Amino acid sequence: TYLKTLANDNQVLFGHQNDVNKQVSTSAELGDVYDITGQISGLYGIDTLSLTGSEAGGTDAKTALENSVIYSKKAAENGAIVTLSAHMPNVSNSKVVQNEDGTYDFFQCDFAESKDLSNDIAKKVLTGGEYNEAYRAYLDIIVNYATQLQDAGIPIIFRPLHENTGNWFWWGSSNTAETYKSLYRYTKDYIESKGVHNMLWVYSPGGPITSEAEYLTYYPGDEYVDIV
């Protein structure tokens, strides 16, 4: 309702990635935007790279996730809407470690692994695929994060599998439209099957796009998308 009201009134929100947790000024406890304006950004952006370690700090995957939850709650408590993007790694990459107990550790992963196009991975993470278990393990981290915010009454605008019409991410245009749609639908179905219901889901292709028909080529369906 709030977002629709803004749109109807021709208003926009100013957003800032990692607003409350990355700053130039060492004395800006709530970030540089607050330091200058007296308010934090209307949109606080965080990425799954924070949840697994490479953007939110932490000594291991557990503390990285804890930090991400703390920062997100801090932003929400100060009036921001939380948005989560997802530079998910190609889970066949060697930086993804399977522990002796069968669990997976993504702490070593950074932005580069989202640009690993090897192993036809978008198909192989789906049900029955060779890397489905590893992909579900990654999604479980998102579930953990979202559930903690859900318990605190905080909604999330979630923008997964973005810029999919470009060729730079493993979920991108190297895949067919049907593979992409299946991947998006699987991702949402799995996360919601774990009891997560505090997410608005975004479809966010890259440009340029010249027609509605072109925009809808990879569109996973109204029942899977809340925001375009």
Protein backbone atom coordinates (compact mmCIF):
# COMPACT_ATOMS: atom_id res chain seq x y z
CA THR A 1 0.00 0.00 0.00
CA TYR A 2 2.83 2.37 0.86
CA LEU A 3 4.65 1.73 -2.42
CA LYS A 4 1.44 2.17 -4.45
CA THR A 5 0.71 5.43 -2.62
CA LEU A 6 4.18 6.73 -3.54
CA ALA A 7 3.64 5.81 -7.17
CA ASN A 8 0.19 7.41 -7.30
CA ASP A 9 1.66 10.62 -5.85
CA ASN A 10 4.61 10.58 -8.30
CA GLN A 11 7.04 10.11 -5.40
CA VAL A 12 10.28 8.13 -5.33
CA LEU A 13 12.42 6.74 -2.53
CA PHE A 14 16.15 7.36 -2.30
CA GLY A 15 18.05 4.12 -1.81
CA HIS A 16 21.60 3.30 -0.80
CA GLN A 17 23.29 -0.10 -0.83
CA ASN A 18 24.75 -1.08 2.57
CA ASP A 19 23.66 2.30 3.90
CA VAL A 20 23.99 1.68 7.64
CA ASN A 21 27.01 -0.62 7.54
CA LYS A 22 29.47 0.85 5.01
CA GLN A 23 30.52 4.45 5.38
CA VAL A 24 33.31 6.84 4.51
CA SER A 25 33.14 8.75 7.80
CA THR A 26 34.40 6.72 10.75
CA SER A 27 32.04 8.63 13.06
CA ALA A 28 28.86 8.01 11.00
CA GLU A 29 27.28 5.27 13.10
CA LEU A 30 24.17 5.08 10.91
CA GLY A 31 25.98 5.71 7.64
CA ASP A 32 27.00 8.70 5.57
CA VAL A 33 23.47 9.54 4.39
CA TYR A 34 22.30 9.95 7.98
CA ASP A 35 25.47 11.84 8.84
CA ILE A 36 24.69 14.44 6.15
CA THR A 37 20.87 14.56 6.10
CA GLY A 38 19.70 13.40 9.53
CA GLN A 39 17.86 10.43 8.00
CA ILE A 40 18.98 7.09 6.63
CA SER A 41 17.95 6.13 3.10
CA GLY A 42 14.35 5.20 2.38
CA LEU A 43 15.60 1.96 0.84
CA TYR A 44 18.35 -0.05 2.51
CA GLY A 45 19.95 -2.44 0.05
CA ILE A 46 21.77 -5.59 1.05
CA ASP A 47 22.93 -8.54 -1.05
CA THR A 48 23.25 -12.25 -0.43
CA LEU A 49 26.99 -11.57 -0.67
CA SER A 50 26.54 -10.07 2.79
CA LEU A 51 24.67 -13.09 4.09
CA THR A 52 27.57 -15.39 3.20
CA GLY A 53 30.43 -13.10 4.16
CA SER A 54 32.00 -11.02 1.43
CA GLU A 55 30.11 -7.75 2.08
CA ALA A 56 28.95 -7.67 5.71
CA GLY A 57 32.14 -8.90 7.31
CA GLY A 58 32.34 -11.63 9.89
CA THR A 59 34.85 -14.35 10.59
CA ASP A 60 32.75 -17.15 9.11
CA ALA A 61 29.38 -17.83 7.49
CA LYS A 62 27.56 -17.78 10.83
CA THR A 63 28.81 -14.35 11.91
CA ALA A 64 28.28 -12.93 8.40
CA LEU A 65 24.61 -13.88 8.56
CA GLU A 66 24.32 -12.51 12.09
CA ASN A 67 25.80 -9.19 10.93
CA SER A 68 23.42 -9.02 7.98
CA VAL A 69 20.41 -9.50 10.22
CA ILE A 70 21.65 -6.86 12.68
CA TYR A 71 22.22 -4.31 9.89
CA SER A 72 18.86 -4.98 8.28
CA LYS A 73 17.01 -4.65 11.57
CA LYS A 74 18.87 -1.42 12.29
CA ALA A 75 17.82 0.00 8.93
CA ALA A 76 14.19 -1.05 9.40
CA GLU A 77 14.07 0.34 12.92
CA ASN A 78 15.17 3.69 11.47
CA GLY A 79 12.43 3.74 8.86
CA ALA A 80 13.97 2.08 5.80
CA ILE A 81 12.49 -0.56 3.53
CA VAL A 82 14.89 -3.51 3.24
CA THR A 83 15.75 -4.72 -0.27
CA LEU A 84 17.70 -7.92 -0.90
CA SER A 85 19.53 -8.59 -4.17
CA ALA A 86 21.18 -11.91 -4.92
CA HIS A 87 24.57 -12.39 -6.55
CA MET A 88 24.32 -16.11 -5.99
CA PRO A 89 27.39 -18.20 -6.80
CA ASN A 90 27.53 -20.92 -9.40
CA VAL A 91 27.27 -23.71 -6.85
CA SER A 92 29.51 -25.99 -8.94
CA ASN A 93 32.40 -23.57 -8.37
CA SER A 94 35.38 -24.86 -6.39
CA LYS A 95 34.94 -22.09 -3.79
CA VAL A 96 31.75 -23.80 -2.62
CA VAL A 97 32.86 -26.21 0.09
CA GLN A 98 30.92 -29.27 1.21
CA ASN A 99 31.75 -30.08 4.81
CA GLU A 100 32.23 -33.55 6.23
CA ASP A 101 28.75 -33.48 7.74
CA GLY A 102 27.20 -32.82 4.31
CA THR A 103 26.49 -29.11 4.87
CA TYR A 104 27.76 -26.45 2.48
CA ASP A 105 29.92 -23.40 3.15
CA PHE A 106 29.81 -20.38 0.81
CA PHE A 107 32.02 -18.10 2.89
CA GLN A 108 34.81 -18.00 0.30
CA CYS A 109 32.47 -16.92 -2.50
CA ASP A 110 32.33 -13.35 -3.80
CA PHE A 111 30.92 -11.52 -6.83
CA ALA A 112 33.06 -13.48 -9.29
CA GLU A 113 31.25 -16.78 -8.79
CA SER A 114 27.95 -15.29 -9.96
CA LYS A 115 29.69 -14.74 -13.33
CA ASP A 116 30.87 -18.36 -13.60
CA LEU A 117 28.88 -19.68 -16.59
CA SER A 118 30.21 -23.24 -16.47
CA ASN A 119 28.40 -26.59 -16.23
CA ASP A 120 24.98 -25.50 -17.58
CA ILE A 121 24.27 -24.80 -13.93
CA ALA A 122 20.83 -23.16 -14.23
CA LYS A 123 19.39 -26.51 -15.33
CA LYS A 124 21.42 -28.62 -12.93
CA VAL A 125 20.23 -26.82 -9.77
CA LEU A 126 16.61 -27.73 -10.48
CA THR A 127 14.86 -30.77 -9.01
CA GLY A 128 16.75 -33.93 -9.92
CA GLY A 129 19.83 -32.00 -11.02
CA GLU A 130 23.36 -32.76 -9.95
CA TYR A 131 23.66 -29.52 -7.97
CA ASN A 132 20.14 -29.23 -6.58
CA GLU A 133 21.27 -30.05 -3.04
CA ALA A 134 23.94 -27.32 -3.08
CA TYR A 135 21.48 -24.77 -4.48
CA ARG A 136 18.93 -25.63 -1.80
CA ALA A 137 21.66 -25.17 0.81
CA TYR A 138 22.27 -21.66 -0.51
CA LEU A 139 18.57 -20.86 -0.53
CA ASP A 140 18.39 -22.07 3.07
CA ILE A 141 20.70 -19.18 4.02
CA ILE A 142 18.23 -16.75 2.44
CA VAL A 143 15.42 -18.52 4.29
CA ASN A 144 17.29 -18.15 7.58
CA TYR A 145 17.82 -14.43 6.99
CA ALA A 146 14.25 -13.79 5.83
CA THR A 147 12.75 -15.75 8.72
CA GLN A 148 14.65 -13.72 11.30
CA LEU A 149 13.34 -10.51 9.74
CA GLN A 150 9.88 -12.03 9.44
CA ASP A 151 9.87 -12.81 13.15
CA ALA A 152 10.69 -9.14 13.75
CA GLY A 153 7.82 -7.97 11.52
CA ILE A 154 10.10 -6.67 8.77
CA PRO A 155 9.18 -7.15 5.07
CA ILE A 156 11.77 -7.56 2.32
CA ILE A 157 11.74 -6.55 -1.33
CA PHE A 158 13.61 -9.49 -2.91
CA ARG A 159 15.26 -9.09 -6.33
CA PRO A 160 16.67 -12.47 -7.35
CA LEU A 161 18.03 -13.63 -10.69
CA HIS A 162 18.33 -10.05 -11.95
CA GLU A 163 19.69 -8.69 -15.25
CA ASN A 164 18.76 -12.05 -16.74
CA THR A 165 18.61 -10.71 -20.30
CA GLY A 166 22.35 -10.05 -20.16
CA ASN A 167 24.96 -12.77 -20.59
CA TRP A 168 27.17 -12.08 -17.56
CA PHE A 169 25.46 -14.13 -14.82
CA TRP A 170 24.98 -17.91 -14.79
CA TRP A 171 21.19 -17.41 -14.74
CA GLY A 172 21.35 -15.04 -17.73
CA SER A 173 20.75 -15.19 -21.46
CA SER A 174 22.95 -18.23 -22.02
CA ASN A 175 19.84 -20.10 -20.83
CA THR A 176 16.54 -20.53 -22.62
CA ALA A 177 13.53 -18.54 -21.45
CA GLU A 178 11.94 -21.74 -20.17
CA THR A 179 15.00 -22.63 -18.10
CA TYR A 180 15.02 -19.16 -16.56
CA LYS A 181 11.32 -19.27 -15.77
CA SER A 182 11.71 -22.70 -14.17
CA LEU A 183 14.65 -21.45 -12.10
CA TYR A 184 12.76 -18.37 -10.85
CA ARG A 185 9.66 -20.41 -10.03
CA TYR A 186 11.67 -23.10 -8.28
CA THR A 187 13.50 -20.48 -6.20
CA LYS A 188 10.28 -18.86 -5.01
CA ASP A 189 8.45 -22.13 -4.43
CA TYR A 190 11.32 -23.49 -2.35
CA ILE A 191 11.74 -20.40 -0.20
CA GLU A 192 8.01 -20.10 0.47
CA SER A 193 7.77 -23.82 1.24
CA LYS A 194 9.98 -23.06 4.25
CA GLY A 195 7.38 -20.69 5.69
CA VAL A 196 8.75 -17.41 4.37
CA HIS A 197 5.93 -14.96 3.61
CA ASN A 198 7.49 -11.52 4.17
CA MET A 199 8.95 -11.08 0.68
CA LEU A 200 7.76 -9.06 -2.29
CA TRP A 201 9.32 -10.66 -5.37
CA VAL A 202 10.85 -8.53 -8.12
CA TYR A 203 11.37 -9.32 -11.80
CA SER A 204 14.30 -7.18 -12.96
CA PRO A 205 15.74 -7.88 -16.44
CA GLY A 206 18.54 -5.88 -18.01
CA GLY A 207 18.08 -3.46 -20.90
CA PRO A 208 17.68 -2.15 -23.42
CA ILE A 209 14.19 -3.59 -23.94
CA THR A 210 12.11 -2.13 -26.74
CA SER A 211 8.67 -3.73 -26.34
CA GLU A 212 6.31 -5.33 -23.87
CA ALA A 213 6.59 -8.62 -25.72
CA GLU A 214 10.38 -8.59 -25.37
CA TYR A 215 10.08 -7.72 -21.67
CA LEU A 216 7.78 -10.69 -21.08
CA THR A 217 9.96 -13.25 -22.88
CA TYR A 218 11.57 -14.42 -19.62
CA TYR A 219 8.76 -13.30 -17.29
CA PRO A 220 7.95 -16.12 -14.83
CA GLY A 221 4.28 -15.20 -14.39
CA ASP A 222 2.06 -12.91 -12.33
CA GLU A 223 1.69 -15.52 -9.61
CA TYR A 224 5.47 -15.37 -9.05
CA VAL A 225 6.09 -11.63 -9.33
CA ASP A 226 4.94 -8.70 -7.17
CA ILE A 227 7.06 -5.86 -8.58
CA VAL A 228 8.49 -5.25 -12.07
